[in-house]
Amino acid sequence: GLIANIVLNYADEKVHKVADDELLYLRFCDDMIIIHPKKEACTRATDEYKNSLIDLKLVPHLPSSEEDLKMKFWDSKSKNPYLWSADH
Protein backbone atom coordinates (compact mmCIF):
# COMPACT_ATOMS: atom_id res chain seq x y z
CA GLY A 1 0.00 0.00 0.00
CA LEU A 2 2.75 2.47 0.90
CA ILE A 3 4.63 1.94 -2.36
CA ALA A 4 1.42 2.30 -4.38
CA ASN A 5 0.64 5.58 -2.63
CA ILE A 6 4.14 6.93 -3.22
CA VAL A 7 4.14 6.00 -6.91
CA LEU A 8 0.54 6.99 -7.63
CA ASN A 9 0.91 10.40 -5.99
CA TYR A 10 2.05 11.46 -9.48
CA ALA A 11 -1.35 10.39 -10.88
CA ASP A 12 -3.14 12.26 -8.10
CA GLU A 13 -1.32 15.47 -8.97
CA LYS A 14 -2.12 15.09 -12.67
CA VAL A 15 -5.84 14.55 -12.02
CA HIS A 16 -6.01 17.47 -9.59
CA LYS A 17 -4.57 19.77 -12.28
CA VAL A 18 -7.58 19.13 -14.57
CA ALA A 19 -10.13 19.04 -11.73
CA ASP A 20 -12.71 21.67 -10.93
CA ASP A 21 -14.73 22.19 -7.73
CA GLU A 22 -17.35 19.62 -8.77
CA LEU A 23 -14.94 16.75 -9.40
CA LEU A 24 -14.61 14.08 -6.74
CA TYR A 25 -11.45 12.03 -7.11
CA LEU A 26 -10.71 9.37 -4.52
CA ARG A 27 -7.93 6.81 -4.58
CA PHE A 28 -6.97 4.06 -2.18
CA CYS A 29 -3.83 2.18 -3.20
CA ASP A 30 -4.49 1.28 -6.84
CA ASP A 31 -8.28 1.72 -6.81
CA MET A 32 -9.83 5.04 -7.71
CA ILE A 33 -13.17 6.65 -8.42
CA ILE A 34 -13.95 9.84 -10.30
CA ILE A 35 -17.36 11.49 -10.00
CA HIS A 36 -18.59 14.64 -11.74
CA PRO A 37 -22.02 15.83 -12.91
CA LYS A 38 -20.67 16.19 -16.48
CA LYS A 39 -19.45 13.19 -18.44
CA GLU A 40 -16.85 15.29 -20.29
CA ALA A 41 -15.18 16.25 -17.02
CA CYS A 42 -15.14 12.60 -15.90
CA THR A 43 -13.66 11.55 -19.21
CA ARG A 44 -10.98 14.27 -19.05
CA ALA A 45 -9.97 13.27 -15.50
CA THR A 46 -10.05 9.56 -16.36
CA ASP A 47 -7.87 10.14 -19.42
CA GLU A 48 -5.43 12.16 -17.33
CA TYR A 49 -5.28 9.31 -14.79
CA LYS A 50 -4.69 6.69 -17.50
CA ASN A 51 -2.00 8.82 -19.17
CA SER A 52 -0.23 9.28 -15.84
CA LEU A 53 -0.18 5.49 -15.39
CA ILE A 54 1.41 5.14 -18.81
CA ASP A 55 3.96 7.83 -17.87
CA LEU A 56 4.78 5.72 -14.81
CA LYS A 57 5.22 2.62 -17.03
CA LEU A 58 2.13 1.02 -15.45
CA VAL A 59 -0.66 -0.68 -17.37
CA PRO A 60 -4.24 0.51 -16.78
CA HIS A 61 -7.06 -2.05 -16.92
CA LEU A 62 -9.12 -1.94 -20.07
CA PRO A 63 -12.57 -0.57 -19.23
CA SER A 64 -15.74 -2.54 -19.83
CA SER A 65 -17.95 -1.63 -22.75
CA GLU A 66 -21.35 -0.05 -22.06
CA GLU A 67 -23.07 -3.28 -23.12
CA ASP A 68 -21.03 -5.28 -20.63
CA LEU A 69 -21.93 -2.80 -17.89
CA LYS A 70 -25.64 -3.28 -18.48
CA MET A 71 -25.32 -7.04 -18.13
CA LYS A 72 -22.73 -7.51 -15.38
CA PHE A 73 -21.79 -4.20 -13.76
CA TRP A 74 -20.01 -5.58 -10.69
CA ASP A 75 -18.12 -8.30 -12.61
CA SER A 76 -15.66 -5.91 -14.24
CA LYS A 77 -12.72 -4.09 -12.69
CA SER A 78 -12.55 -0.87 -14.73
CA LYS A 79 -15.35 1.19 -16.19
CA ASN A 80 -15.55 4.19 -18.52
CA PRO A 81 -17.65 7.17 -17.40
CA TYR A 82 -21.35 6.35 -17.32
CA LEU A 83 -24.59 7.92 -16.17
CA TRP A 84 -25.88 6.64 -12.80
CA SER A 85 -29.24 8.34 -13.08
CA ALA A 86 -31.67 9.17 -15.87
CA ASP A 87 -32.42 12.54 -14.22
CA HIS A 88 -29.76 14.44 -16.18
PDB file of N, CA and C in Angstrom:
ATOM      1  N   GLY A   1       0.802  -1.195   0.000  1.00  0.00           N
ATOM      2  CA  GLY A   1       0.000   0.000   0.000  1.00  0.00           C
ATOM      3  C   GLY A   1       0.850   1.267   0.000  1.00  0.00           C
ATOM      4  N   LEU A   2       1.903   1.285   0.806  1.00  0.00           N
ATOM      5  CA  LEU A   2       2.747   2.471   0.901  1.00  0.00           C
ATOM      6  C   LEU A   2       3.421   2.767  -0.435  1.00  0.00           C
ATOM      7  N   ILE A   3       3.960   1.739  -1.065  1.00  0.00           N
ATOM      8  CA  ILE A   3       4.635   1.940  -2.357  1.00  0.00           C
ATOM      9  C   ILE A   3       3.642   2.428  -3.407  1.00  0.00           C
ATOM     10  N   ALA A   4       2.441   1.850  -3.432  1.00  0.00           N
ATOM     11  CA  ALA A   4       1.417   2.297  -4.385  1.00  0.00           C
ATOM     12  C   ALA A   4       1.091   3.767  -4.163  1.00  0.00           C
ATOM     13  N   ASN A   5       0.962   4.181  -2.916  1.00  0.00           N
ATOM     14  CA  ASN A   5       0.643   5.580  -2.633  1.00  0.00           C
ATOM     15  C   ASN A   5       1.779   6.518  -3.019  1.00  0.00           C
ATOM     16  N   ILE A   6       2.996   6.095  -2.826  1.00  0.00           N
ATOM     17  CA  ILE A   6       4.136   6.926  -3.217  1.00  0.00           C
ATOM     18  C   ILE A   6       4.186   7.081  -4.738  1.00  0.00           C
ATOM     19  N   VAL A   7       4.060   5.967  -5.448  1.00  0.00           N
ATOM     20  CA  VAL A   7       4.143   6.002  -6.910  1.00  0.00           C
ATOM     21  C   VAL A   7       2.939   6.732  -7.507  1.00  0.00           C
ATOM     22  N   LEU A   8       1.745   6.432  -7.022  1.00  0.00           N
ATOM     23  CA  LEU A   8       0.538   6.995  -7.627  1.00  0.00           C
ATOM     24  C   LEU A   8       0.247   8.425  -7.185  1.00  0.00           C
ATOM     25  N   ASN A   9       1.051   8.988  -6.313  1.00  0.00           N
ATOM     26  CA  ASN A   9       0.912  10.400  -5.990  1.00  0.00           C
ATOM     27  C   ASN A   9       1.054  11.246  -7.259  1.00  0.00           C
ATOM     28  N   TYR A  10       1.887  10.794  -8.193  1.00  0.00           N
ATOM     29  CA  TYR A  10       2.047  11.464  -9.484  1.00  0.00           C
ATOM     30  C   TYR A  10       0.703  11.527 -10.216  1.00  0.00           C
ATOM     31  N   ALA A  11      -0.026  10.428 -10.230  1.00  0.00           N
ATOM     32  CA  ALA A  11      -1.347  10.389 -10.882  1.00  0.00           C
ATOM     33  C   ALA A  11      -2.313  11.338 -10.176  1.00  0.00           C
ATOM     34  N   ASP A  12      -2.273  11.353  -8.863  1.00  0.00           N
ATOM     35  CA  ASP A  12      -3.141  12.258  -8.099  1.00  0.00           C
ATOM     36  C   ASP A  12      -2.909  13.703  -8.516  1.00  0.00           C
ATOM     37  N   GLU A  13      -1.654  14.094  -8.596  1.00  0.00           N
ATOM     38  CA  GLU A  13      -1.315  15.470  -8.965  1.00  0.00           C
ATOM     39  C   GLU A  13      -1.807  15.803 -10.364  1.00  0.00           C
ATOM     40  N   LYS A  14      -1.668  14.865 -11.294  1.00  0.00           N
ATOM     41  CA  LYS A  14      -2.121  15.087 -12.671  1.00  0.00           C
ATOM     42  C   LYS A  14      -3.637  15.269 -12.732  1.00  0.00           C
ATOM     43  N   VAL A  15      -4.375  14.442 -12.012  1.00  0.00           N
ATOM     44  CA  VAL A  15      -5.841  14.551 -12.016  1.00  0.00           C
ATOM     45  C   VAL A  15      -6.268  15.858 -11.362  1.00  0.00           C
ATOM     46  N   HIS A  16      -5.641  16.222 -10.276  1.00  0.00           N
ATOM     47  CA  HIS A  16      -6.014  17.467  -9.585  1.00  0.00           C
ATOM     48  C   HIS A  16      -5.770  18.697 -10.458  1.00  0.00           C
ATOM     49  N   LYS A  17      -4.832  18.633 -11.384  1.00  0.00           N
ATOM     50  CA  LYS A  17      -4.571  19.769 -12.279  1.00  0.00           C
ATOM     51  C   LYS A  17      -5.718  20.016 -13.250  1.00  0.00           C
ATOM     52  N   VAL A  18      -6.457  18.962 -13.640  1.00  0.00           N
ATOM     53  CA  VAL A  18      -7.583  19.134 -14.567  1.00  0.00           C
ATOM     54  C   VAL A  18      -8.918  19.187 -13.837  1.00  0.00           C
ATOM     55  N   ALA A  19      -8.894  19.092 -12.517  1.00  0.00           N
ATOM     56  CA  ALA A  19     -10.128  19.041 -11.725  1.00  0.00           C
ATOM     57  C   ALA A  19     -10.712  20.434 -11.515  1.00  0.00           C
ATOM     58  N   ASP A  20     -12.032  20.456 -11.368  1.00  0.00           N
ATOM     59  CA  ASP A  20     -12.708  21.668 -10.930  1.00  0.00           C
ATOM     60  C   ASP A  20     -13.374  21.379  -9.579  1.00  0.00           C
ATOM     61  N   ASP A  21     -14.130  22.337  -9.072  1.00  0.00           N
ATOM     62  CA  ASP A  21     -14.726  22.185  -7.735  1.00  0.00           C
ATOM     63  C   ASP A  21     -15.772  21.075  -7.649  1.00  0.00           C
ATOM     64  N   GLU A  22     -16.313  20.655  -8.781  1.00  0.00           N
ATOM     65  CA  GLU A  22     -17.353  19.622  -8.766  1.00  0.00           C
ATOM     66  C   GLU A  22     -16.803  18.201  -8.915  1.00  0.00           C
ATOM     67  N   LEU A  23     -15.526  18.071  -9.207  1.00  0.00           N
ATOM     68  CA  LEU A  23     -14.935  16.751  -9.401  1.00  0.00           C
ATOM     69  C   LEU A  23     -14.588  16.115  -8.060  1.00  0.00           C
ATOM     70  N   LEU A  24     -15.017  14.878  -7.899  1.00  0.00           N
ATOM     71  CA  LEU A  24     -14.612  14.084  -6.742  1.00  0.00           C
ATOM     72  C   LEU A  24     -13.673  12.995  -7.239  1.00  0.00           C
ATOM     73  N   TYR A  25     -12.453  13.034  -6.750  1.00  0.00           N
ATOM     74  CA  TYR A  25     -11.446  12.033  -7.113  1.00  0.00           C
ATOM     75  C   TYR A  25     -10.961  11.409  -5.813  1.00  0.00           C
ATOM     76  N   LEU A  26     -11.152  10.106  -5.702  1.00  0.00           N
ATOM     77  CA  LEU A  26     -10.706   9.371  -4.524  1.00  0.00           C
ATOM     78  C   LEU A  26      -9.871   8.193  -4.981  1.00  0.00           C
ATOM     79  N   ARG A  27      -8.768   7.953  -4.255  1.00  0.00           N
ATOM     80  CA  ARG A  27      -7.931   6.811  -4.579  1.00  0.00           C
ATOM     81  C   ARG A  27      -7.466   6.157  -3.285  1.00  0.00           C
ATOM     82  N   PHE A  28      -7.529   4.846  -3.275  1.00  0.00           N
ATOM     83  CA  PHE A  28      -6.973   4.058  -2.184  1.00  0.00           C
ATOM     84  C   PHE A  28      -6.099   2.989  -2.814  1.00  0.00           C
ATOM     85  N   CYS A  29      -4.812   3.055  -2.550  1.00  0.00           N
ATOM     86  CA  CYS A  29      -3.825   2.183  -3.205  1.00  0.00           C
ATOM     87  C   CYS A  29      -3.996   2.288  -4.709  1.00  0.00           C
ATOM     88  N   ASP A  30      -4.371   1.212  -5.388  1.00  0.00           N
ATOM     89  CA  ASP A  30      -4.493   1.281  -6.841  1.00  0.00           C
ATOM     90  C   ASP A  30      -5.940   1.336  -7.323  1.00  0.00           C
ATOM     91  N   ASP A  31      -6.876   1.572  -6.429  1.00  0.00           N
ATOM     92  CA  ASP A  31      -8.285   1.718  -6.806  1.00  0.00           C
ATOM     93  C   ASP A  31      -8.662   3.189  -6.741  1.00  0.00           C
ATOM     94  N   MET A  32      -9.423   3.648  -7.720  1.00  0.00           N
ATOM     95  CA  MET A  32      -9.833   5.040  -7.706  1.00  0.00           C
ATOM     96  C   MET A  32     -11.237   5.175  -8.247  1.00  0.00           C
ATOM     97  N   ILE A  33     -11.850   6.313  -7.902  1.00  0.00           N
ATOM     98  CA  ILE A  33     -13.172   6.647  -8.416  1.00  0.00           C
ATOM     99  C   ILE A  33     -13.167   8.125  -8.761  1.00  0.00           C
ATOM    100  N   ILE A  34     -13.805   8.451  -9.868  1.00  0.00           N
ATOM    101  CA  ILE A  34     -13.946   9.836 -10.304  1.00  0.00           C
ATOM    102  C   ILE A  34     -15.428  10.087 -10.517  1.00  0.00           C
ATOM    103  N   ILE A  35     -15.944  11.139  -9.884  1.00  0.00           N
ATOM    104  CA  ILE A  35     -17.360  11.488 -10.002  1.00  0.00           C
ATOM    105  C   ILE A  35     -17.469  12.967 -10.370  1.00  0.00           C
ATOM    106  N   HIS A  36     -18.331  13.252 -11.328  1.00  0.00           N
ATOM    107  CA  HIS A  36     -18.592  14.635 -11.745  1.00  0.00           C
ATOM    108  C   HIS A  36     -19.969  14.667 -12.400  1.00  0.00           C
ATOM    109  N   PRO A  37     -20.705  15.755 -12.264  1.00  0.00           N
ATOM    110  CA  PRO A  37     -22.016  15.828 -12.912  1.00  0.00           C
ATOM    111  C   PRO A  37     -21.952  15.805 -14.444  1.00  0.00           C
ATOM    112  N   LYS A  38     -20.800  16.163 -15.017  1.00  0.00           N
ATOM    113  CA  LYS A  38     -20.672  16.195 -16.478  1.00  0.00           C
ATOM    114  C   LYS A  38     -19.741  15.079 -16.950  1.00  0.00           C
ATOM    115  N   LYS A  39     -20.219  14.328 -17.919  1.00  0.00           N
ATOM    116  CA  LYS A  39     -19.452  13.195 -18.443  1.00  0.00           C
ATOM    117  C   LYS A  39     -18.112  13.644 -19.029  1.00  0.00           C
ATOM    118  N   GLU A  40     -18.091  14.806 -19.683  1.00  0.00           N
ATOM    119  CA  GLU A  40     -16.854  15.287 -20.293  1.00  0.00           C
ATOM    120  C   GLU A  40     -15.766  15.497 -19.240  1.00  0.00           C
ATOM    121  N   ALA A  41     -16.148  16.022 -18.094  1.00  0.00           N
ATOM    122  CA  ALA A  41     -15.176  16.252 -17.025  1.00  0.00           C
ATOM    123  C   ALA A  41     -14.662  14.920 -16.468  1.00  0.00           C
ATOM    124  N   CYS A  42     -15.553  13.936 -16.347  1.00  0.00           N
ATOM    125  CA  CYS A  42     -15.137  12.600 -15.898  1.00  0.00           C
ATOM    126  C   CYS A  42     -14.168  11.987 -16.902  1.00  0.00           C
ATOM    127  N   THR A  43     -14.506  12.110 -18.166  1.00  0.00           N
ATOM    128  CA  THR A  43     -13.656  11.551 -19.210  1.00  0.00           C
ATOM    129  C   THR A  43     -12.289  12.219 -19.211  1.00  0.00           C
ATOM    130  N   ARG A  44     -12.253  13.533 -19.074  1.00  0.00           N
ATOM    131  CA  ARG A  44     -10.981  14.267 -19.052  1.00  0.00           C
ATOM    132  C   ARG A  44     -10.116  13.815 -17.866  1.00  0.00           C
ATOM    133  N   ALA A  45     -10.725  13.702 -16.692  1.00  0.00           N
ATOM    134  CA  ALA A  45      -9.971  13.271 -15.503  1.00  0.00           C
ATOM    135  C   ALA A  45      -9.530  11.813 -15.632  1.00  0.00           C
ATOM    136  N   THR A  46     -10.398  10.967 -16.166  1.00  0.00           N
ATOM    137  CA  THR A  46     -10.048   9.558 -16.362  1.00  0.00           C
ATOM    138  C   THR A  46      -8.897   9.417 -17.349  1.00  0.00           C
ATOM    139  N   ASP A  47      -8.960  10.174 -18.440  1.00  0.00           N
ATOM    140  CA  ASP A  47      -7.874  10.139 -19.424  1.00  0.00           C
ATOM    141  C   ASP A  47      -6.560  10.616 -18.809  1.00  0.00           C
ATOM    142  N   GLU A  48      -6.631  11.651 -17.992  1.00  0.00           N
ATOM    143  CA  GLU A  48      -5.429  12.156 -17.329  1.00  0.00           C
ATOM    144  C   GLU A  48      -4.847  11.090 -16.392  1.00  0.00           C
ATOM    145  N   TYR A  49      -5.722  10.393 -15.683  1.00  0.00           N
ATOM    146  CA  TYR A  49      -5.277   9.314 -14.789  1.00  0.00           C
ATOM    147  C   TYR A  49      -4.601   8.195 -15.595  1.00  0.00           C
ATOM    148  N   LYS A  50      -5.262   7.757 -16.671  1.00  0.00           N
ATOM    149  CA  LYS A  50      -4.689   6.688 -17.501  1.00  0.00           C
ATOM    150  C   LYS A  50      -3.349   7.102 -18.098  1.00  0.00           C
ATOM    151  N   ASN A  51      -3.258   8.347 -18.585  1.00  0.00           N
ATOM    152  CA  ASN A  51      -2.000   8.820 -19.167  1.00  0.00           C
ATOM    153  C   ASN A  51      -0.890   8.883 -18.118  1.00  0.00           C
ATOM    154  N   SER A  52      -1.249   9.244 -16.891  1.00  0.00           N
ATOM    155  CA  SER A  52      -0.233   9.282 -15.838  1.00  0.00           C
ATOM    156  C   SER A  52       0.268   7.873 -15.520  1.00  0.00           C
ATOM    157  N   LEU A  53      -0.621   6.872 -15.594  1.00  0.00           N
ATOM    158  CA  LEU A  53      -0.177   5.490 -15.392  1.00  0.00           C
ATOM    159  C   LEU A  53       0.801   5.072 -16.477  1.00  0.00           C
ATOM    160  N   ILE A  54       0.510   5.457 -17.698  1.00  0.00           N
ATOM    161  CA  ILE A  54       1.406   5.145 -18.811  1.00  0.00           C
ATOM    162  C   ILE A  54       2.750   5.847 -18.616  1.00  0.00           C
ATOM    163  N   ASP A  55       2.715   7.116 -18.171  1.00  0.00           N
ATOM    164  CA  ASP A  55       3.965   7.832 -17.869  1.00  0.00           C
ATOM    165  C   ASP A  55       4.795   7.082 -16.833  1.00  0.00           C
ATOM    166  N   LEU A  56       4.110   6.463 -15.884  1.00  0.00           N
ATOM    167  CA  LEU A  56       4.779   5.718 -14.809  1.00  0.00           C
ATOM    168  C   LEU A  56       5.178   4.301 -15.226  1.00  0.00           C
ATOM    169  N   LYS A  57       4.922   3.957 -16.500  1.00  0.00           N
ATOM    170  CA  LYS A  57       5.216   2.621 -17.034  1.00  0.00           C
ATOM    171  C   LYS A  57       4.338   1.549 -16.380  1.00  0.00           C
ATOM    172  N   LEU A  58       3.120   1.957 -15.995  1.00  0.00           N
ATOM    173  CA  LEU A  58       2.133   1.024 -15.448  1.00  0.00           C
ATOM    174  C   LEU A  58       1.070   0.768 -16.504  1.00  0.00           C
ATOM    175  N   VAL A  59       0.335  -0.305 -16.373  1.00  0.00           N
ATOM    176  CA  VAL A  59      -0.661  -0.680 -17.372  1.00  0.00           C
ATOM    177  C   VAL A  59      -2.060  -0.547 -16.773  1.00  0.00           C
ATOM    178  N   PRO A  60      -2.867   0.398 -17.289  1.00  0.00           N
ATOM    179  CA  PRO A  60      -4.239   0.512 -16.780  1.00  0.00           C
ATOM    180  C   PRO A  60      -5.097  -0.653 -17.275  1.00  0.00           C
ATOM    181  N   HIS A  61      -6.099  -1.030 -16.481  1.00  0.00           N
ATOM    182  CA  HIS A  61      -7.057  -2.049 -16.916  1.00  0.00           C
ATOM    183  C   HIS A  61      -7.885  -1.497 -18.060  1.00  0.00           C
ATOM    184  N   LEU A  62      -8.220  -2.354 -19.004  1.00  0.00           N
ATOM    185  CA  LEU A  62      -9.124  -1.945 -20.072  1.00  0.00           C
ATOM    186  C   LEU A  62     -10.531  -1.836 -19.503  1.00  0.00           C
ATOM    187  N   PRO A  63     -11.215  -0.719 -19.775  1.00  0.00           N
ATOM    188  CA  PRO A  63     -12.574  -0.566 -19.235  1.00  0.00           C
ATOM    189  C   PRO A  63     -13.577  -1.462 -19.944  1.00  0.00           C
ATOM    190  N   SER A  64     -14.654  -1.752 -19.251  1.00  0.00           N
ATOM    191  CA  SER A  64     -15.740  -2.536 -19.833  1.00  0.00           C
ATOM    192  C   SER A  64     -16.513  -1.690 -20.830  1.00  0.00           C
ATOM    193  N   SER A  65     -17.099  -2.341 -21.807  1.00  0.00           N
ATOM    194  CA  SER A  65     -17.952  -1.627 -22.747  1.00  0.00           C
ATOM    195  C   SER A  65     -19.287  -1.312 -22.063  1.00  0.00           C
ATOM    196  N   GLU A  66     -20.050  -0.397 -22.653  1.00  0.00           N
ATOM    197  CA  GLU A  66     -21.346  -0.052 -22.061  1.00  0.00           C
ATOM    198  C   GLU A  66     -22.285  -1.248 -22.065  1.00  0.00           C
ATOM    199  N   GLU A  67     -22.214  -2.080 -23.082  1.00  0.00           N
ATOM    200  CA  GLU A  67     -23.067  -3.277 -23.124  1.00  0.00           C
ATOM    201  C   GLU A  67     -22.734  -4.222 -21.978  1.00  0.00           C
ATOM    202  N   ASP A  68     -21.443  -4.425 -21.734  1.00  0.00           N
ATOM    203  CA  ASP A  68     -21.030  -5.284 -20.625  1.00  0.00           C
ATOM    204  C   ASP A  68     -21.527  -4.739 -19.299  1.00  0.00           C
ATOM    205  N   LEU A  69     -21.494  -3.411 -19.151  1.00  0.00           N
ATOM    206  CA  LEU A  69     -21.934  -2.797 -17.889  1.00  0.00           C
ATOM    207  C   LEU A  69     -23.407  -3.069 -17.616  1.00  0.00           C
ATOM    208  N   LYS A  70     -24.208  -3.046 -18.666  1.00  0.00           N
ATOM    209  CA  LYS A  70     -25.640  -3.282 -18.480  1.00  0.00           C
ATOM    210  C   LYS A  70     -25.901  -4.715 -18.005  1.00  0.00           C
ATOM    211  N   MET A  71     -25.072  -5.641 -18.429  1.00  0.00           N
ATOM    212  CA  MET A  71     -25.319  -7.042 -18.128  1.00  0.00           C
ATOM    213  C   MET A  71     -24.658  -7.487 -16.820  1.00  0.00           C
ATOM    214  N   LYS A  72     -23.469  -7.017 -16.548  1.00  0.00           N
ATOM    215  CA  LYS A  72     -22.734  -7.508 -15.381  1.00  0.00           C
ATOM    216  C   LYS A  72     -21.861  -6.407 -14.785  1.00  0.00           C
ATOM    217  N   PHE A  73     -22.485  -5.386 -14.255  1.00  0.00           N
ATOM    218  CA  PHE A  73     -21.792  -4.201 -13.756  1.00  0.00           C
ATOM    219  C   PHE A  73     -20.684  -4.540 -12.771  1.00  0.00           C
ATOM    220  N   TRP A  74     -20.967  -5.330 -11.766  1.00  0.00           N
ATOM    221  CA  TRP A  74     -20.009  -5.581 -10.692  1.00  0.00           C
ATOM    222  C   TRP A  74     -18.970  -6.643 -11.040  1.00  0.00           C
ATOM    223  N   ASP A  75     -19.076  -7.267 -12.218  1.00  0.00           N
ATOM    224  CA  ASP A  75     -18.120  -8.295 -12.606  1.00  0.00           C
ATOM    225  C   ASP A  75     -16.849  -7.740 -13.241  1.00  0.00           C
ATOM    226  N   SER A  76     -16.835  -6.451 -13.567  1.00  0.00           N
ATOM    227  CA  SER A  76     -15.656  -5.907 -14.240  1.00  0.00           C
ATOM    228  C   SER A  76     -14.883  -4.980 -13.310  1.00  0.00           C
ATOM    229  N   LYS A  77     -13.605  -4.897 -13.542  1.00  0.00           N
ATOM    230  CA  LYS A  77     -12.718  -4.087 -12.693  1.00  0.00           C
ATOM    231  C   LYS A  77     -12.802  -2.608 -13.050  1.00  0.00           C
ATOM    232  N   SER A  78     -12.617  -2.265 -14.315  1.00  0.00           N
ATOM    233  CA  SER A  78     -12.548  -0.868 -14.730  1.00  0.00           C
ATOM    234  C   SER A  78     -13.736  -0.510 -15.599  1.00  0.00           C
ATOM    235  N   LYS A  79     -14.190   0.738 -15.445  1.00  0.00           N
ATOM    236  CA  LYS A  79     -15.350   1.195 -16.194  1.00  0.00           C
ATOM    237  C   LYS A  79     -15.094   2.586 -16.752  1.00  0.00           C
ATOM    238  N   ASN A  80     -15.579   2.844 -17.957  1.00  0.00           N
ATOM    239  CA  ASN A  80     -15.553   4.188 -18.515  1.00  0.00           C
ATOM    240  C   ASN A  80     -16.617   5.021 -17.816  1.00  0.00           C
ATOM    241  N   PRO A  81     -16.588   6.353 -17.988  1.00  0.00           N
ATOM    242  CA  PRO A  81     -17.653   7.171 -17.396  1.00  0.00           C
ATOM    243  C   PRO A  81     -19.025   6.717 -17.885  1.00  0.00           C
ATOM    244  N   TYR A  82     -19.993   6.742 -16.985  1.00  0.00           N
ATOM    245  CA  TYR A  82     -21.350   6.352 -17.325  1.00  0.00           C
ATOM    246  C   TYR A  82     -22.312   7.115 -16.440  1.00  0.00           C
ATOM    247  N   LEU A  83     -23.547   7.179 -16.863  1.00  0.00           N
ATOM    248  CA  LEU A  83     -24.588   7.919 -16.167  1.00  0.00           C
ATOM    249  C   LEU A  83     -25.274   7.021 -15.154  1.00  0.00           C
ATOM    250  N   TRP A  84     -25.245   7.416 -13.871  1.00  0.00           N
ATOM    251  CA  TRP A  84     -25.876   6.635 -12.805  1.00  0.00           C
ATOM    252  C   TRP A  84     -27.384   6.838 -12.803  1.00  0.00           C
ATOM    253  N   SER A  85     -27.824   7.996 -13.216  1.00  0.00           N
ATOM    254  CA  SER A  85     -29.241   8.338 -13.078  1.00  0.00           C
ATOM    255  C   SER A  85     -29.763   8.855 -14.401  1.00  0.00           C
ATOM    256  N   ALA A  86     -31.045   8.669 -14.651  1.00  0.00           N
ATOM    257  CA  ALA A  86     -31.674   9.172 -15.865  1.00  0.00           C
ATOM    258  C   ALA A  86     -32.170  10.602 -15.656  1.00  0.00           C
ATOM    259  N   ASP A  87     -31.924  11.201 -14.527  1.00  0.00           N
ATOM    260  CA  ASP A  87     -32.419  12.538 -14.220  1.00  0.00           C
ATOM    261  C   ASP A  87     -31.717  13.640 -15.002  1.00  0.00           C
ATOM    262  N   HIS A  88     -30.521  13.385 -15.515  1.00  0.00           N
ATOM    263  CA  HIS A  88     -29.763  14.444 -16.183  1.00  0.00           C
ATOM    264  C   HIS A  88     -29.801  14.285 -17.668  1.00  0.00           C
TER     265      HIS A  88
END
